[in-house]
């Protein structure tokens, strides 16, 4: 994949996480207390954001996006990517995908910590 495409995906990630966070907050305003940032692993269906909230990534996708078919839950596009729950990986090699996934996890961790700090200030 071109460096420009990887950079574009990286640039989009914070907005996608914000969108996913907003969606989760509509369902449960305190969701960020149920996700353990120290256990967050976006390569694990049970330790990713949705896995920690719904028990499994697949269950979370179905709960949030009822129209997403099972075969599309790991596709390179769709609401799961648009909301920061999965990294699009079109033609990425292993290192590019790992780098993007690690960045996505870092953005989620920062979001969770900020939400927790804001909740503690209330």
PDB file of N, CA and C in Angstrom:
ATOM      1  N   UNK A   1       0.848  -1.165   0.000  1.00  0.00           N
ATOM      2  CA  UNK A   1       0.000   0.000   0.000  1.00  0.00           C
ATOM      3  C   UNK A   1       0.897   1.232   0.000  1.00  0.00           C
ATOM      4  N   UNK A   2       0.432   2.271  -0.604  1.00  0.00           N
ATOM      5  CA  UNK A   2       1.245   3.478  -0.671  1.00  0.00           C
ATOM      6  C   UNK A   2       1.315   4.160   0.692  1.00  0.00           C
ATOM      7  N   UNK A   3       2.385   4.865   0.903  1.00  0.00           N
ATOM      8  CA  UNK A   3       2.561   5.603   2.153  1.00  0.00           C
ATOM      9  C   UNK A   3       1.459   6.648   2.316  1.00  0.00           C
ATOM     10  N   UNK A   4       1.007   7.217   1.209  1.00  0.00           N
ATOM     11  CA  UNK A   4      -0.060   8.215   1.270  1.00  0.00           C
ATOM     12  C   UNK A   4      -1.365   7.589   1.743  1.00  0.00           C
ATOM     13  N   UNK A   5      -1.653   6.378   1.296  1.00  0.00           N
ATOM     14  CA  UNK A   5      -2.891   5.697   1.711  1.00  0.00           C
ATOM     15  C   UNK A   5      -2.831   5.345   3.197  1.00  0.00           C
ATOM     16  N   UNK A   6      -1.678   4.848   3.662  1.00  0.00           N
ATOM     17  CA  UNK A   6      -1.515   4.533   5.080  1.00  0.00           C
ATOM     18  C   UNK A   6      -1.678   5.809   5.908  1.00  0.00           C
ATOM     19  N   UNK A   7      -1.082   6.902   5.437  1.00  0.00           N
ATOM     20  CA  UNK A   7      -1.203   8.181   6.149  1.00  0.00           C
ATOM     21  C   UNK A   7      -2.659   8.653   6.193  1.00  0.00           C
ATOM     22  N   UNK A   8      -3.396   8.453   5.109  1.00  0.00           N
ATOM     23  CA  UNK A   8      -4.804   8.857   5.071  1.00  0.00           C
ATOM     24  C   UNK A   8      -5.633   8.037   6.064  1.00  0.00           C
ATOM     25  N   UNK A   9      -5.361   6.748   6.147  1.00  0.00           N
ATOM     26  CA  UNK A   9      -6.071   5.902   7.112  1.00  0.00           C
ATOM     27  C   UNK A   9      -5.741   6.359   8.528  1.00  0.00           C
ATOM     28  N   UNK A  10      -4.460   6.580   8.792  1.00  0.00           N
ATOM     29  CA  UNK A  10      -4.019   7.030  10.114  1.00  0.00           C
ATOM     30  C   UNK A  10      -4.690   8.354  10.479  1.00  0.00           C
ATOM     31  N   UNK A  11      -4.764   9.253   9.533  1.00  0.00           N
ATOM     32  CA  UNK A  11      -5.383  10.558   9.771  1.00  0.00           C
ATOM     33  C   UNK A  11      -6.879  10.430  10.085  1.00  0.00           C
ATOM     34  N   UNK A  12      -7.535   9.445   9.502  1.00  0.00           N
ATOM     35  CA  UNK A  12      -8.972   9.260   9.710  1.00  0.00           C
ATOM     36  C   UNK A  12      -9.307   8.591  11.046  1.00  0.00           C
ATOM     37  N   UNK A  13      -8.367   7.906  11.638  1.00  0.00           N
ATOM     38  CA  UNK A  13      -8.646   7.097  12.831  1.00  0.00           C
ATOM     39  C   UNK A  13      -9.206   7.907  14.007  1.00  0.00           C
ATOM     40  N   UNK A  14      -8.639   9.044  14.397  1.00  0.00           N
ATOM     41  CA  UNK A  14      -9.221   9.767  15.540  1.00  0.00           C
ATOM     42  C   UNK A  14     -10.697  10.134  15.347  1.00  0.00           C
ATOM     43  N   UNK A  15     -11.068  10.552  14.161  1.00  0.00           N
ATOM     44  CA  UNK A  15     -12.467  10.866  13.879  1.00  0.00           C
ATOM     45  C   UNK A  15     -13.356   9.645  13.931  1.00  0.00           C
ATOM     46  N   UNK A  16     -12.834   8.521  13.472  1.00  0.00           N
ATOM     47  CA  UNK A  16     -13.594   7.279  13.517  1.00  0.00           C
ATOM     48  C   UNK A  16     -13.820   6.829  14.954  1.00  0.00           C
ATOM     49  N   UNK A  17     -12.790   6.957  15.780  1.00  0.00           N
ATOM     50  CA  UNK A  17     -12.927   6.579  17.191  1.00  0.00           C
ATOM     51  C   UNK A  17     -13.929   7.508  17.883  1.00  0.00           C
ATOM     52  N   UNK A  18     -13.889   8.779  17.570  1.00  0.00           N
ATOM     53  CA  UNK A  18     -14.860   9.718  18.147  1.00  0.00           C
ATOM     54  C   UNK A  18     -16.279   9.314  17.759  1.00  0.00           C
ATOM     55  N   UNK A  19     -16.454   8.924  16.519  1.00  0.00           N
ATOM     56  CA  UNK A  19     -17.762   8.495  16.039  1.00  0.00           C
ATOM     57  C   UNK A  19     -18.214   7.216  16.752  1.00  0.00           C
ATOM     58  N   UNK A  20     -17.308   6.257  16.917  1.00  0.00           N
ATOM     59  CA  UNK A  20     -17.629   5.023  17.629  1.00  0.00           C
ATOM     60  C   UNK A  20     -17.929   5.271  19.091  1.00  0.00           C
ATOM     61  N   UNK A  21     -17.164   6.154  19.707  1.00  0.00           N
ATOM     62  CA  UNK A  21     -17.382   6.514  21.105  1.00  0.00           C
ATOM     63  C   UNK A  21     -18.755   7.153  21.300  1.00  0.00           C
ATOM     64  N   UNK A  22     -19.122   8.032  20.398  1.00  0.00           N
ATOM     65  CA  UNK A  22     -20.437   8.677  20.465  1.00  0.00           C
ATOM     66  C   UNK A  22     -21.548   7.652  20.330  1.00  0.00           C
ATOM     67  N   UNK A  23     -21.382   6.716  19.416  1.00  0.00           N
ATOM     68  CA  UNK A  23     -22.381   5.666  19.241  1.00  0.00           C
ATOM     69  C   UNK A  23     -22.515   4.832  20.516  1.00  0.00           C
ATOM     70  N   UNK A  24     -21.401   4.441  21.103  1.00  0.00           N
ATOM     71  CA  UNK A  24     -21.445   3.655  22.339  1.00  0.00           C
ATOM     72  C   UNK A  24     -22.090   4.450  23.471  1.00  0.00           C
ATOM     73  N   UNK A  25     -21.825   5.742  23.522  1.00  0.00           N
ATOM     74  CA  UNK A  25     -22.401   6.583  24.575  1.00  0.00           C
ATOM     75  C   UNK A  25     -23.910   6.710  24.460  1.00  0.00           C
ATOM     76  N   UNK A  26     -24.420   6.608  23.250  1.00  0.00           N
ATOM     77  CA  UNK A  26     -25.881   6.635  23.069  1.00  0.00           C
ATOM     78  C   UNK A  26     -26.527   5.395  23.676  1.00  0.00           C
ATOM     79  N   UNK A  27     -25.836   4.273  23.612  1.00  0.00           N
ATOM     80  CA  UNK A  27     -26.361   3.025  24.169  1.00  0.00           C
ATOM     81  C   UNK A  27     -26.129   2.920  25.671  1.00  0.00           C
ATOM     82  N   UNK A  28     -24.952   3.380  26.101  1.00  0.00           N
ATOM     83  CA  UNK A  28     -24.565   3.290  27.502  1.00  0.00           C
ATOM     84  C   UNK A  28     -23.603   4.435  27.794  1.00  0.00           C
ATOM     85  N   UNK A  29     -24.078   5.481  28.461  1.00  0.00           N
ATOM     86  CA  UNK A  29     -23.225   6.647  28.704  1.00  0.00           C
ATOM     87  C   UNK A  29     -21.958   6.347  29.516  1.00  0.00           C
ATOM     88  N   UNK A  30     -21.901   5.225  30.179  1.00  0.00           N
ATOM     89  CA  UNK A  30     -20.748   4.882  31.016  1.00  0.00           C
ATOM     90  C   UNK A  30     -19.970   3.703  30.461  1.00  0.00           C
ATOM     91  N   UNK A  31     -20.080   3.450  29.188  1.00  0.00           N
ATOM     92  CA  UNK A  31     -19.410   2.297  28.568  1.00  0.00           C
ATOM     93  C   UNK A  31     -17.912   2.284  28.834  1.00  0.00           C
ATOM     94  N   UNK A  32     -17.292   3.450  28.917  1.00  0.00           N
ATOM     95  CA  UNK A  32     -15.837   3.549  29.044  1.00  0.00           C
ATOM     96  C   UNK A  32     -15.331   3.018  30.389  1.00  0.00           C
ATOM     97  N   UNK A  33     -16.233   2.836  31.339  1.00  0.00           N
ATOM     98  CA  UNK A  33     -15.839   2.209  32.607  1.00  0.00           C
ATOM     99  C   UNK A  33     -15.805   0.688  32.491  1.00  0.00           C
ATOM    100  N   UNK A  34     -16.375   0.155  31.435  1.00  0.00           N
ATOM    101  CA  UNK A  34     -16.431  -1.300  31.237  1.00  0.00           C
ATOM    102  C   UNK A  34     -15.309  -1.820  30.347  1.00  0.00           C
ATOM    103  N   UNK A  35     -14.539  -0.929  29.777  1.00  0.00           N
ATOM    104  CA  UNK A  35     -13.433  -1.333  28.912  1.00  0.00           C
ATOM    105  C   UNK A  35     -12.127  -1.101  29.670  1.00  0.00           C
ATOM    106  N   UNK A  36     -11.356  -2.145  29.810  1.00  0.00           N
ATOM    107  CA  UNK A  36     -10.072  -2.069  30.504  1.00  0.00           C
ATOM    108  C   UNK A  36      -8.981  -1.748  29.486  1.00  0.00           C
ATOM    109  N   UNK A  37      -8.456  -0.525  29.527  1.00  0.00           N
ATOM    110  CA  UNK A  37      -7.435  -0.154  28.546  1.00  0.00           C
ATOM    111  C   UNK A  37      -6.185  -1.034  28.610  1.00  0.00           C
ATOM    112  N   UNK A  38      -5.884  -1.566  29.783  1.00  0.00           N
ATOM    113  CA  UNK A  38      -4.705  -2.424  29.924  1.00  0.00           C
ATOM    114  C   UNK A  38      -4.894  -3.776  29.246  1.00  0.00           C
ATOM    115  N   UNK A  39      -6.123  -4.182  29.034  1.00  0.00           N
ATOM    116  CA  UNK A  39      -6.418  -5.456  28.360  1.00  0.00           C
ATOM    117  C   UNK A  39      -6.811  -5.250  26.895  1.00  0.00           C
ATOM    118  N   UNK A  40      -6.912  -4.008  26.462  1.00  0.00           N
ATOM    119  CA  UNK A  40      -7.383  -3.726  25.104  1.00  0.00           C
ATOM    120  C   UNK A  40      -6.441  -4.332  24.071  1.00  0.00           C
ATOM    121  N   UNK A  41      -6.997  -5.166  23.226  1.00  0.00           N
ATOM    122  CA  UNK A  41      -6.241  -5.834  22.156  1.00  0.00           C
ATOM    123  C   UNK A  41      -7.167  -5.927  20.954  1.00  0.00           C
ATOM    124  N   UNK A  42      -6.947  -5.088  19.978  1.00  0.00           N
ATOM    125  CA  UNK A  42      -7.845  -5.037  18.823  1.00  0.00           C
ATOM    126  C   UNK A  42      -7.697  -6.229  17.893  1.00  0.00           C
ATOM    127  N   UNK A  43      -6.702  -7.067  18.128  1.00  0.00           N
ATOM    128  CA  UNK A  43      -6.573  -8.303  17.357  1.00  0.00           C
ATOM    129  C   UNK A  43      -7.279  -9.466  18.043  1.00  0.00           C
ATOM    130  N   UNK A  44      -7.932  -9.196  19.159  1.00  0.00           N
ATOM    131  CA  UNK A  44      -8.657 -10.223  19.905  1.00  0.00           C
ATOM    132  C   UNK A  44     -10.148  -9.912  19.877  1.00  0.00           C
ATOM    133  N   UNK A  45     -10.945 -10.885  19.493  1.00  0.00           N
ATOM    134  CA  UNK A  45     -12.394 -10.671  19.429  1.00  0.00           C
ATOM    135  C   UNK A  45     -13.025 -10.529  20.810  1.00  0.00           C
ATOM    136  N   UNK A  46     -12.327 -10.935  21.856  1.00  0.00           N
ATOM    137  CA  UNK A  46     -12.884 -10.802  23.201  1.00  0.00           C
ATOM    138  C   UNK A  46     -12.241  -9.685  24.019  1.00  0.00           C
ATOM    139  N   UNK A  47     -11.103  -9.163  23.576  1.00  0.00           N
ATOM    140  CA  UNK A  47     -10.432  -8.093  24.316  1.00  0.00           C
ATOM    141  C   UNK A  47     -10.430  -6.757  23.588  1.00  0.00           C
ATOM    142  N   UNK A  48     -11.066  -6.690  22.427  1.00  0.00           N
ATOM    143  CA  UNK A  48     -11.218  -5.418  21.727  1.00  0.00           C
ATOM    144  C   UNK A  48     -12.297  -4.605  22.452  1.00  0.00           C
ATOM    145  N   UNK A  49     -12.563  -3.411  22.007  1.00  0.00           N
ATOM    146  CA  UNK A  49     -13.585  -2.577  22.640  1.00  0.00           C
ATOM    147  C   UNK A  49     -14.927  -3.310  22.667  1.00  0.00           C
ATOM    148  N   UNK A  50     -15.364  -3.798  21.522  1.00  0.00           N
ATOM    149  CA  UNK A  50     -16.661  -4.468  21.469  1.00  0.00           C
ATOM    150  C   UNK A  50     -16.652  -5.797  22.211  1.00  0.00           C
ATOM    151  N   UNK A  51     -15.540  -6.494  22.170  1.00  0.00           N
ATOM    152  CA  UNK A  51     -15.440  -7.749  22.908  1.00  0.00           C
ATOM    153  C   UNK A  51     -15.599  -7.535  24.397  1.00  0.00           C
ATOM    154  N   UNK A  52     -14.993  -6.486  24.913  1.00  0.00           N
ATOM    155  CA  UNK A  52     -15.110  -6.206  26.339  1.00  0.00           C
ATOM    156  C   UNK A  52     -16.514  -5.737  26.713  1.00  0.00           C
ATOM    157  N   UNK A  53     -17.196  -5.093  25.813  1.00  0.00           N
ATOM    158  CA  UNK A  53     -18.546  -4.598  26.101  1.00  0.00           C
ATOM    159  C   UNK A  53     -19.651  -5.626  25.850  1.00  0.00           C
ATOM    160  N   UNK A  54     -19.481  -6.428  24.808  1.00  0.00           N
ATOM    161  CA  UNK A  54     -20.544  -7.336  24.387  1.00  0.00           C
ATOM    162  C   UNK A  54     -20.167  -8.812  24.516  1.00  0.00           C
ATOM    163  N   UNK A  55     -18.964  -9.094  24.961  1.00  0.00           N
ATOM    164  CA  UNK A  55     -18.509 -10.476  25.110  1.00  0.00           C
ATOM    165  C   UNK A  55     -17.729 -10.985  23.908  1.00  0.00           C
ATOM    166  N   UNK A  56     -18.047 -10.497  22.732  1.00  0.00           N
ATOM    167  CA  UNK A  56     -17.363 -10.859  21.487  1.00  0.00           C
ATOM    168  C   UNK A  56     -17.550  -9.725  20.483  1.00  0.00           C
ATOM    169  N   UNK A  57     -16.553  -9.536  19.659  1.00  0.00           N
ATOM    170  CA  UNK A  57     -16.608  -8.529  18.596  1.00  0.00           C
ATOM    171  C   UNK A  57     -17.862  -8.717  17.741  1.00  0.00           C
ATOM    172  N   UNK A  58     -18.117  -9.958  17.327  1.00  0.00           N
ATOM    173  CA  UNK A  58     -19.252 -10.237  16.439  1.00  0.00           C
ATOM    174  C   UNK A  58     -20.579  -9.815  17.069  1.00  0.00           C
ATOM    175  N   UNK A  59     -20.747 -10.095  18.354  1.00  0.00           N
ATOM    176  CA  UNK A  59     -21.987  -9.704  19.046  1.00  0.00           C
ATOM    177  C   UNK A  59     -22.117  -8.189  19.094  1.00  0.00           C
ATOM    178  N   UNK A  60     -21.008  -7.503  19.315  1.00  0.00           N
ATOM    179  CA  UNK A  60     -21.036  -6.051  19.344  1.00  0.00           C
ATOM    180  C   UNK A  60     -21.423  -5.465  17.996  1.00  0.00           C
ATOM    181  N   UNK A  61     -20.852  -6.011  16.942  1.00  0.00           N
ATOM    182  CA  UNK A  61     -21.193  -5.541  15.593  1.00  0.00           C
ATOM    183  C   UNK A  61     -22.680  -5.744  15.323  1.00  0.00           C
ATOM    184  N   UNK A  62     -23.201  -6.905  15.677  1.00  0.00           N
ATOM    185  CA  UNK A  62     -24.626  -7.174  15.450  1.00  0.00           C
ATOM    186  C   UNK A  62     -25.508  -6.261  16.296  1.00  0.00           C
ATOM    187  N   UNK A  63     -25.095  -5.971  17.519  1.00  0.00           N
ATOM    188  CA  UNK A  63     -25.884  -5.091  18.390  1.00  0.00           C
ATOM    189  C   UNK A  63     -25.896  -3.656  17.872  1.00  0.00           C
ATOM    190  N   UNK A  64     -24.771  -3.215  17.340  1.00  0.00           N
ATOM    191  CA  UNK A  64     -24.668  -1.834  16.880  1.00  0.00           C
ATOM    192  C   UNK A  64     -25.138  -1.628  15.449  1.00  0.00           C
ATOM    193  N   UNK A  65     -24.867  -2.602  14.616  1.00  0.00           N
ATOM    194  CA  UNK A  65     -25.145  -2.473  13.182  1.00  0.00           C
ATOM    195  C   UNK A  65     -25.908  -3.710  12.714  1.00  0.00           C
ATOM    196  N   UNK A  66     -27.154  -3.750  12.944  1.00  0.00           N
ATOM    197  CA  UNK A  66     -27.959  -4.947  12.665  1.00  0.00           C
ATOM    198  C   UNK A  66     -27.942  -5.363  11.192  1.00  0.00           C
ATOM    199  N   UNK A  67     -27.658  -4.427  10.314  1.00  0.00           N
ATOM    200  CA  UNK A  67     -27.679  -4.729   8.881  1.00  0.00           C
ATOM    201  C   UNK A  67     -26.378  -5.348   8.366  1.00  0.00           C
ATOM    202  N   UNK A  68     -25.345  -5.400   9.208  1.00  0.00           N
ATOM    203  CA  UNK A  68     -24.061  -5.951   8.765  1.00  0.00           C
ATOM    204  C   UNK A  68     -24.141  -7.473   8.794  1.00  0.00           C
ATOM    205  N   UNK A  69     -23.886  -8.088   7.661  1.00  0.00           N
ATOM    206  CA  UNK A  69     -23.916  -9.553   7.564  1.00  0.00           C
ATOM    207  C   UNK A  69     -22.659 -10.128   8.206  1.00  0.00           C
ATOM    208  N   UNK A  70     -22.741 -11.367   8.654  1.00  0.00           N
ATOM    209  CA  UNK A  70     -21.597 -12.025   9.288  1.00  0.00           C
ATOM    210  C   UNK A  70     -20.346 -11.933   8.426  1.00  0.00           C
ATOM    211  N   UNK A  71     -20.504 -12.154   7.145  1.00  0.00           N
ATOM    212  CA  UNK A  71     -19.341 -12.158   6.253  1.00  0.00           C
ATOM    213  C   UNK A  71     -18.726 -10.772   6.090  1.00  0.00           C
ATOM    214  N   UNK A  72     -19.464  -9.720   6.455  1.00  0.00           N
ATOM    215  CA  UNK A  72     -18.985  -8.355   6.277  1.00  0.00           C
ATOM    216  C   UNK A  72     -18.354  -7.764   7.537  1.00  0.00           C
ATOM    217  N   UNK A  73     -18.359  -8.498   8.640  1.00  0.00           N
ATOM    218  CA  UNK A  73     -17.878  -7.946   9.906  1.00  0.00           C
ATOM    219  C   UNK A  73     -16.377  -7.678   9.912  1.00  0.00           C
ATOM    220  N   UNK A  74     -15.667  -8.297   8.991  1.00  0.00           N
ATOM    221  CA  UNK A  74     -14.222  -8.096   8.913  1.00  0.00           C
ATOM    222  C   UNK A  74     -13.823  -7.508   7.565  1.00  0.00           C
ATOM    223  N   UNK A  75     -14.796  -6.952   6.862  1.00  0.00           N
ATOM    224  CA  UNK A  75     -14.536  -6.359   5.549  1.00  0.00           C
ATOM    225  C   UNK A  75     -13.736  -5.071   5.703  1.00  0.00           C
ATOM    226  N   UNK A  76     -13.172  -4.624   4.608  1.00  0.00           N
ATOM    227  CA  UNK A  76     -12.332  -3.428   4.601  1.00  0.00           C
ATOM    228  C   UNK A  76     -13.120  -2.130   4.640  1.00  0.00           C
ATOM    229  N   UNK A  77     -14.412  -2.214   4.613  1.00  0.00           N
ATOM    230  CA  UNK A  77     -15.232  -1.015   4.639  1.00  0.00           C
ATOM    231  C   UNK A  77     -16.546  -1.347   5.338  1.00  0.00           C
ATOM    232  N   UNK A  78     -17.235  -0.331   5.755  1.00  0.00           N
ATOM    233  CA  UNK A  78     -18.513  -0.521   6.421  1.00  0.00           C
ATOM    234  C   UNK A  78     -18.550   0.244   7.739  1.00  0.00           C
ATOM    235  N   UNK A  79     -19.659   0.153   8.434  1.00  0.00           N
ATOM    236  CA  UNK A  79     -19.812   0.937   9.661  1.00  0.00           C
ATOM    237  C   UNK A  79     -18.825   0.559  10.756  1.00  0.00           C
ATOM    238  N   UNK A  80     -18.373  -0.680  10.789  1.00  0.00           N
ATOM    239  CA  UNK A  80     -17.400  -1.093  11.800  1.00  0.00           C
ATOM    240  C   UNK A  80     -16.059  -0.384  11.598  1.00  0.00           C
ATOM    241  N   UNK A  81     -15.703  -0.113  10.350  1.00  0.00           N
ATOM    242  CA  UNK A  81     -14.483   0.650  10.044  1.00  0.00           C
ATOM    243  C   UNK A  81     -14.740   2.140  10.288  1.00  0.00           C
ATOM    244  N   UNK A  82     -15.877   2.632   9.820  1.00  0.00           N
ATOM    245  CA  UNK A  82     -16.220   4.052   9.956  1.00  0.00           C
ATOM    246  C   UNK A  82     -16.311   4.496  11.409  1.00  0.00           C
ATOM    247  N   UNK A  83     -16.577   3.547  12.327  1.00  0.00           N
ATOM    248  CA  UNK A  83     -16.708   3.863  13.751  1.00  0.00           C
ATOM    249  C   UNK A  83     -15.482   3.440  14.562  1.00  0.00           C
ATOM    250  N   UNK A  84     -14.401   3.072  13.879  1.00  0.00           N
ATOM    251  CA  UNK A  84     -13.149   2.805  14.553  1.00  0.00           C
ATOM    252  C   UNK A  84     -13.053   1.481  15.294  1.00  0.00           C
ATOM    253  N   UNK A  85     -13.895   0.514  14.943  1.00  0.00           N
ATOM    254  CA  UNK A  85     -13.835  -0.785  15.600  1.00  0.00           C
ATOM    255  C   UNK A  85     -12.956  -1.785  14.849  1.00  0.00           C
ATOM    256  N   UNK A  86     -12.552  -1.409  13.646  1.00  0.00           N
ATOM    257  CA  UNK A  86     -11.749  -2.296  12.802  1.00  0.00           C
ATOM    258  C   UNK A  86     -10.939  -1.419  11.855  1.00  0.00           C
ATOM    259  N   UNK A  87      -9.734  -1.829  11.547  1.00  0.00           N
ATOM    260  CA  UNK A  87      -8.875  -1.077  10.616  1.00  0.00           C
ATOM    261  C   UNK A  87      -9.077  -1.612   9.213  1.00  0.00           C
ATOM    262  N   UNK A  88      -9.340  -0.710   8.306  1.00  0.00           N
ATOM    263  CA  UNK A  88      -9.374  -1.143   6.914  1.00  0.00           C
ATOM    264  C   UNK A  88      -7.968  -1.576   6.543  1.00  0.00           C
ATOM    265  N   UNK A  89      -7.864  -2.655   5.810  1.00  0.00           N
ATOM    266  CA  UNK A  89      -6.516  -3.149   5.519  1.00  0.00           C
ATOM    267  C   UNK A  89      -6.337  -3.521   4.060  1.00  0.00           C
ATOM    268  N   UNK A  90      -7.152  -2.962   3.220  1.00  0.00           N
ATOM    269  CA  UNK A  90      -7.153  -3.212   1.776  1.00  0.00           C
ATOM    270  C   UNK A  90      -5.944  -4.015   1.300  1.00  0.00           C
ATOM    271  N   UNK A  91      -4.872  -3.341   1.047  1.00  0.00           N
ATOM    272  CA  UNK A  91      -3.676  -3.994   0.517  1.00  0.00           C
ATOM    273  C   UNK A  91      -2.488  -3.809   1.452  1.00  0.00           C
ATOM    274  N   UNK A  92      -2.759  -3.695   2.737  1.00  0.00           N
ATOM    275  CA  UNK A  92      -1.665  -3.466   3.669  1.00  0.00           C
ATOM    276  C   UNK A  92      -0.860  -4.742   3.859  1.00  0.00           C
ATOM    277  N   UNK A  93       0.423  -4.562   4.082  1.00  0.00           N
ATOM    278  CA  UNK A  93       1.221  -5.717   4.459  1.00  0.00           C
ATOM    279  C   UNK A  93       1.131  -5.856   5.980  1.00  0.00           C
ATOM    280  N   UNK A  94       1.738  -6.865   6.526  1.00  0.00           N
ATOM    281  CA  UNK A  94       1.611  -7.161   7.948  1.00  0.00           C
ATOM    282  C   UNK A  94       2.063  -5.984   8.819  1.00  0.00           C
ATOM    283  N   UNK A  95       3.207  -5.400   8.505  1.00  0.00           N
ATOM    284  CA  UNK A  95       3.738  -4.307   9.314  1.00  0.00           C
ATOM    285  C   UNK A  95       2.832  -3.079   9.265  1.00  0.00           C
ATOM    286  N   UNK A  96       2.297  -2.771   8.087  1.00  0.00           N
ATOM    287  CA  UNK A  96       1.389  -1.631   7.968  1.00  0.00           C
ATOM    288  C   UNK A  96       0.119  -1.858   8.787  1.00  0.00           C
ATOM    289  N   UNK A  97      -0.440  -3.055   8.669  1.00  0.00           N
ATOM    290  CA  UNK A  97      -1.660  -3.357   9.417  1.00  0.00           C
ATOM    291  C   UNK A  97      -1.402  -3.312  10.914  1.00  0.00           C
ATOM    292  N   UNK A  98      -0.281  -3.872  11.362  1.00  0.00           N
ATOM    293  CA  UNK A  98       0.056  -3.844  12.787  1.00  0.00           C
ATOM    294  C   UNK A  98       0.209  -2.409  13.270  1.00  0.00           C
ATOM    295  N   UNK A  99       0.882  -1.595  12.490  1.00  0.00           N
ATOM    296  CA  UNK A  99       1.084  -0.196  12.857  1.00  0.00           C
ATOM    297  C   UNK A  99      -0.254   0.536  12.968  1.00  0.00           C
ATOM    298  N   UNK A 100      -1.136   0.329  12.007  1.00  0.00           N
ATOM    299  CA  UNK A 100      -2.446   0.978  12.036  1.00  0.00           C
ATOM    300  C   UNK A 100      -3.296   0.460  13.197  1.00  0.00           C
ATOM    301  N   UNK A 101      -3.241  -0.837  13.446  1.00  0.00           N
ATOM    302  CA  UNK A 101      -4.008  -1.417  14.554  1.00  0.00           C
ATOM    303  C   UNK A 101      -3.495  -0.899  15.892  1.00  0.00           C
ATOM    304  N   UNK A 102      -2.193  -0.803  16.049  1.00  0.00           N
ATOM    305  CA  UNK A 102      -1.623  -0.272  17.286  1.00  0.00           C
ATOM    306  C   UNK A 102      -2.011   1.196  17.481  1.00  0.00           C
ATOM    307  N   UNK A 103      -2.006   1.944  16.407  1.00  0.00           N
ATOM    308  CA  UNK A 103      -2.414   3.347  16.492  1.00  0.00           C
ATOM    309  C   UNK A 103      -3.888   3.456  16.860  1.00  0.00           C
ATOM    310  N   UNK A 104      -4.718   2.640  16.239  1.00  0.00           N
ATOM    311  CA  UNK A 104      -6.145   2.628  16.560  1.00  0.00           C
ATOM    312  C   UNK A 104      -6.351   2.312  18.039  1.00  0.00           C
ATOM    313  N   UNK A 105      -5.652   1.338  18.551  1.00  0.00           N
ATOM    314  CA  UNK A 105      -5.759   0.983  19.969  1.00  0.00           C
ATOM    315  C   UNK A 105      -5.327   2.154  20.852  1.00  0.00           C
ATOM    316  N   UNK A 106      -4.240   2.807  20.487  1.00  0.00           N
ATOM    317  CA  UNK A 106      -3.763   3.946  21.269  1.00  0.00           C
ATOM    318  C   UNK A 106      -4.811   5.059  21.310  1.00  0.00           C
ATOM    319  N   UNK A 107      -5.461   5.315  20.173  1.00  0.00           N
ATOM    320  CA  UNK A 107      -6.486   6.359  20.122  1.00  0.00           C
ATOM    321  C   UNK A 107      -7.676   5.974  20.996  1.00  0.00           C
ATOM    322  N   UNK A 108      -8.077   4.697  20.975  1.00  0.00           N
ATOM    323  CA  UNK A 108      -9.156   4.246  21.858  1.00  0.00           C
ATOM    324  C   UNK A 108      -8.773   4.409  23.323  1.00  0.00           C
ATOM    325  N   UNK A 109      -7.558   4.037  23.671  1.00  0.00           N
ATOM    326  CA  UNK A 109      -7.099   4.154  25.060  1.00  0.00           C
ATOM    327  C   UNK A 109      -7.119   5.616  25.507  1.00  0.00           C
ATOM    328  N   UNK A 110      -6.634   6.505  24.673  1.00  0.00           N
ATOM    329  CA  UNK A 110      -6.666   7.931  25.012  1.00  0.00           C
ATOM    330  C   UNK A 110      -8.097   8.427  25.172  1.00  0.00           C
ATOM    331  N   UNK A 111      -8.979   7.979  24.306  1.00  0.00           N
ATOM    332  CA  UNK A 111     -10.393   8.382  24.387  1.00  0.00           C
ATOM    333  C   UNK A 111     -11.009   7.901  25.695  1.00  0.00           C
ATOM    334  N   UNK A 112     -10.762   6.648  26.041  1.00  0.00           N
ATOM    335  CA  UNK A 112     -11.304   6.077  27.279  1.00  0.00           C
ATOM    336  C   UNK A 112     -10.775   6.845  28.486  1.00  0.00           C
ATOM    337  N   UNK A 113      -9.498   7.114  28.509  1.00  0.00           N
ATOM    338  CA  UNK A 113      -8.907   7.851  29.640  1.00  0.00           C
ATOM    339  C   UNK A 113      -9.473   9.261  29.753  1.00  0.00           C
ATOM    340  N   UNK A 114      -9.653   9.931  28.629  1.00  0.00           N
ATOM    341  CA  UNK A 114     -10.226  11.278  28.657  1.00  0.00           C
ATOM    342  C   UNK A 114     -11.663  11.259  29.165  1.00  0.00           C
ATOM    343  N   UNK A 115     -12.437  10.287  28.719  1.00  0.00           N
ATOM    344  CA  UNK A 115     -13.828  10.172  29.184  1.00  0.00           C
ATOM    345  C   UNK A 115     -13.880   9.883  30.680  1.00  0.00           C
ATOM    346  N   UNK A 116     -12.983   9.045  31.157  1.00  0.00           N
ATOM    347  CA  UNK A 116     -12.932   8.744  32.591  1.00  0.00           C
ATOM    348  C   UNK A 116     -12.545   9.983  33.388  1.00  0.00           C
ATOM    349  N   UNK A 117     -11.561  10.725  32.901  1.00  0.00           N
ATOM    350  CA  UNK A 117     -11.149  11.947  33.592  1.00  0.00           C
ATOM    351  C   UNK A 117     -12.291  12.955  33.645  1.00  0.00           C
ATOM    352  N   UNK A 118     -12.993  13.113  32.524  1.00  0.00           N
ATOM    353  CA  UNK A 118     -14.117  14.050  32.482  1.00  0.00           C
ATOM    354  C   UNK A 118     -15.221  13.613  33.428  1.00  0.00           C
ATOM    355  N   UNK A 119     -15.466  12.310  33.523  1.00  0.00           N
ATOM    356  CA  UNK A 119     -16.513  11.802  34.426  1.00  0.00           C
ATOM    357  C   UNK A 119     -16.125  12.028  35.881  1.00  0.00           C
ATOM    358  N   UNK A 120     -14.849  11.943  36.188  1.00  0.00           N
ATOM    359  CA  UNK A 120     -14.379  12.152  37.558  1.00  0.00           C
ATOM    360  C   UNK A 120     -14.428  13.616  37.967  1.00  0.00           C
ATOM    361  N   UNK A 121     -14.410  14.518  36.991  1.00  0.00           N
ATOM    362  CA  UNK A 121     -14.452  15.959  37.271  1.00  0.00           C
ATOM    363  C   UNK A 121     -15.863  16.431  37.590  1.00  0.00           C
ATOM    364  N   UNK A 122     -16.851  15.623  37.271  1.00  0.00           N
ATOM    365  CA  UNK A 122     -18.251  16.031  37.494  1.00  0.00           C
ATOM    366  C   UNK A 122     -18.616  15.943  38.942  1.00  0.00           C
TER     367      UNK A 122
END
